[in-house]
C-alpha atoms as a PDB file:
ATOM      1  CA  MET A   1     -16.077  -0.389   2.658  1.00  0.00           C
ATOM      2  CA  PRO A   2     -14.424   1.188   5.090  1.00  0.00           C
ATOM      3  CA  TRP A   3     -10.842   0.688   5.086  1.00  0.00           C
ATOM      4  CA  GLU A   4      -8.065   2.498   6.936  1.00  0.00           C
ATOM      5  CA  ASN A   5      -4.670   3.733   5.059  1.00  0.00           C
ATOM      6  CA  ILE A   6      -1.269   2.056   5.950  1.00  0.00           C
ATOM      7  CA  GLY A   7       0.579   3.704   3.550  1.00  0.00           C
ATOM      8  CA  ASP A   8       2.248   3.665   0.750  1.00  0.00           C
ATOM      9  CA  CYS A   9       6.224   3.123  -0.718  1.00  0.00           C
ATOM     10  CA  GLY A  10       7.963   3.225  -3.925  1.00  0.00           C
ATOM     11  CA  ASN A  11       8.454   6.261  -6.379  1.00  0.00           C
ATOM     12  CA  GLY A  12       6.962   8.675  -9.034  1.00  0.00           C
ATOM     13  CA  GLN A  13       5.639  11.144 -10.359  1.00  0.00           C
ATOM     14  CA  LEU A  14       1.662  10.785 -11.653  1.00  0.00           C
ATOM     15  CA  PRO A  15       0.075  10.645 -13.906  1.00  0.00           C
ATOM     16  CA  HIS A  16       3.584   9.851 -16.243  1.00  0.00           C
ATOM     17  CA  GLU A  17       5.026   6.829 -14.125  1.00  0.00           C
ATOM     18  CA  ARG A  18       1.816   5.509 -12.930  1.00  0.00           C
ATOM     19  CA  GLU A  19       2.273   2.129 -13.854  1.00  0.00           C
ATOM     20  CA  TRP A  20       5.421   1.832 -11.939  1.00  0.00           C
ATOM     21  CA  ILE A  21       3.513   2.953  -8.945  1.00  0.00           C
ATOM     22  CA  VAL A  22       1.168   0.845  -8.585  1.00  0.00           C
ATOM     23  CA  PHE A  23       3.291  -1.808  -9.410  1.00  0.00           C
ATOM     24  CA  CYS A  24       5.589  -0.485  -5.977  1.00  0.00           C
ATOM     25  CA  LEU A  25       2.447  -0.789  -4.193  1.00  0.00           C
ATOM     26  CA  GLU A  26       1.651  -4.061  -5.581  1.00  0.00           C
ATOM     27  CA  MET A  27       4.944  -5.091  -4.269  1.00  0.00           C
ATOM     28  CA  GLY A  28       4.497  -3.535  -1.449  1.00  0.00           C
ATOM     29  CA  ILE A  29       1.406  -5.954  -0.823  1.00  0.00           C
ATOM     30  CA  ALA A  30       3.090  -8.761  -1.509  1.00  0.00           C
ATOM     31  CA  TYR A  31       5.738  -8.179   1.365  1.00  0.00           C
ATOM     32  CA  LEU A  32       2.894  -7.110   3.853  1.00  0.00           C
ATOM     33  CA  ARG A  33       0.925 -10.790   2.998  1.00  0.00           C
ATOM     34  CA  TYR A  34       4.083 -12.186   2.986  1.00  0.00           C
ATOM     35  CA  VAL A  35       5.498 -11.398   6.814  1.00  0.00           C
ATOM     36  CA  CYS A  36       2.422  -9.951   8.468  1.00  0.00           C
ATOM     37  CA  GLY A  37       0.337 -13.213   6.663  1.00  0.00           C
ATOM     38  CA  ALA A  38      -3.342 -12.533   5.453  1.00  0.00           C
ATOM     39  CA  PRO A  39      -5.883 -10.379   6.975  1.00  0.00           C
ATOM     40  CA  LEU A  40      -8.310 -11.346   8.982  1.00  0.00           C
ATOM     41  CA  PRO A  41     -11.678 -12.905   7.632  1.00  0.00           C
ATOM     42  CA  GLY A  42     -13.639  -9.992   5.791  1.00  0.00           C
ATOM     43  CA  CYS A  43     -10.830  -7.715   5.464  1.00  0.00           C
ATOM     44  CA  GLU A  44      -8.304  -7.425   2.370  1.00  0.00           C
ATOM     45  CA  LEU A  45      -4.832  -5.436   1.654  1.00  0.00           C
ATOM     46  CA  GLY A  46      -5.581  -3.272  -1.750  1.00  0.00           C
ATOM     47  CA  ILE A  47      -4.534  -0.211  -3.381  1.00  0.00           C
ATOM     48  CA  MET A  48      -6.831   2.479  -1.994  1.00  0.00           C
ATOM     49  CA  TRP A  49      -7.111   6.047  -4.608  1.00  0.00           C
ATOM     50  CA  HIS A  50      -7.135   9.329  -2.663  1.00  0.00           C
ATOM     51  CA  GLU A  51      -9.278  11.652  -4.745  1.00  0.00           C
ATOM     52  CA  HIS A  52      -7.492  15.426  -3.891  1.00  0.00           C
ATOM     53  CA  GLU A  53      -8.133  18.808  -5.353  1.00  0.00           C
ATOM     54  CA  LEU A  54      -4.993  18.944  -7.157  1.00  0.00           C
ATOM     55  CA  SER A  55      -5.266  15.548  -8.727  1.00  0.00           C
ATOM     56  CA  ASP A  56      -5.678  11.633  -7.307  1.00  0.00           C
ATOM     57  CA  TYR A  57      -3.446   9.805  -5.781  1.00  0.00           C
ATOM     58  CA  PRO A  58      -2.604   6.208  -4.014  1.00  0.00           C
ATOM     59  CA  SER A  59      -2.001   4.143  -0.586  1.00  0.00           C
ATOM     60  CA  ILE A  60      -2.218   0.956   0.256  1.00  0.00           C
ATOM     61  CA  GLY A  61      -5.043   0.497   2.837  1.00  0.00           C
ATOM     62  CA  LEU A  62      -6.581  -2.904   5.028  1.00  0.00           C
ATOM     63  CA  LEU A  63     -10.629  -2.548   3.938  1.00  0.00           C
ATOM     64  CA  TRP A  64     -13.309  -4.632   5.301  1.00  0.00           C
ATOM     65  CA  GLU A  65     -16.441  -6.212   3.970  1.00  0.00           C
ATOM     66  CA  TYR A  66     -18.803  -4.776   7.274  1.00  0.00           C
ATOM     67  CA  PRO A  67     -19.578  -1.215   7.065  1.00  0.00           C
ATOM     68  CA  GLU A  68     -21.474  -2.150  10.618  1.00  0.00           C
ATOM     69  CA  GLN A  69     -17.912  -3.461  11.874  1.00  0.00           C
ATOM     70  CA  THR A  70     -16.156  -0.728  13.930  1.00  0.00           C
ATOM     71  CA  ASP A  71     -13.387  -2.719  15.357  1.00  0.00           C
ATOM     72  CA  VAL A  72     -10.135  -1.933  13.327  1.00  0.00           C
ATOM     73  CA  PRO A  73      -8.070  -4.800  13.424  1.00  0.00           C
ATOM     74  CA  TRP A  74      -5.229  -2.616  14.952  1.00  0.00           C
ATOM     75  CA  GLU A  75      -2.575  -4.960  15.824  1.00  0.00           C
ATOM     76  CA  TYR A  76      -2.460  -5.746  12.127  1.00  0.00           C
ATOM     77  CA  VAL A  77      -2.247  -2.560  10.764  1.00  0.00           C
ATOM     78  CA  SER A  78      -0.004  -1.007  13.127  1.00  0.00           C
ATOM     79  CA  ARG A  79       2.467  -4.478  12.131  1.00  0.00           C
ATOM     80  CA  CYS A  80       1.853  -3.719   8.438  1.00  0.00           C
ATOM     81  CA  GLU A  81       2.809   0.167   9.149  1.00  0.00           C
ATOM     82  CA  THR A  82       5.943  -0.863  10.469  1.00  0.00           C
ATOM     83  CA  ALA A  83       7.080  -3.749   7.830  1.00  0.00           C
ATOM     84  CA  LEU A  84       6.092  -1.263   5.309  1.00  0.00           C
ATOM     85  CA  ARG A  85       8.892   1.405   6.268  1.00  0.00           C
ATOM     86  CA  ILE A  86      10.972  -1.533   6.504  1.00  0.00           C
ATOM     87  CA  PHE A  87      10.435  -2.726   3.172  1.00  0.00           C
ATOM     88  CA  ASP A  88      10.020   1.015   1.762  1.00  0.00           C
ATOM     89  CA  GLU A  89      13.873   1.199   3.205  1.00  0.00           C
ATOM     90  CA  ALA A  90      15.122  -1.829   2.548  1.00  0.00           C
ATOM     91  CA  ILE A  91      15.193  -0.981  -1.469  1.00  0.00           C
ATOM     92  CA  SER A  92      17.053   1.851  -3.417  1.00  0.00           C
ATOM     93  CA  ARG A  93      13.831   2.032  -6.030  1.00  0.00           C
ATOM     94  CA  SER A  94      16.438   4.237  -8.365  1.00  0.00           C
ATOM     95  CA  GLU A  95      18.506   1.158  -8.878  1.00  0.00           C
ATOM     96  CA  ILE A  96      15.475  -0.655 -10.026  1.00  0.00           C
ATOM     97  CA  ASP A  97      13.021   1.715 -11.221  1.00  0.00           C
ATOM     98  CA  PRO A  98      12.932   0.740 -15.389  1.00  0.00           C
ATOM     99  CA  THR A  99      13.323   4.807 -16.645  1.00  0.00           C
ATOM    100  CA  THR A 100      16.392   5.141 -15.007  1.00  0.00           C
ATOM    101  CA  ILE A 101      18.032   1.691 -16.171  1.00  0.00           C
ATOM    102  CA  PHE A 102      17.324   1.707 -19.943  1.00  0.00           C
END
């Protein structure tokens, strides 16, 4: 499935805080769906894992079902990138990070 990177949010170090990182990204996806609406039919917001020689890392991406679909919904991607940046800047993850609370 083709996809376009939207970005990431939150904090944490892999591999020890993997669950926290995924949780932060899922919060970001929920926020994007609320603020930007649902993606176009055949598209989906999700967590994408990037394979890197040193380690894998996640980000939020927009996936679409049809490989032959060449028109990336750039307006939606742009709105999501802006909304995700605002969301990430508005939350102090260190204040809600369970490893720093307990």
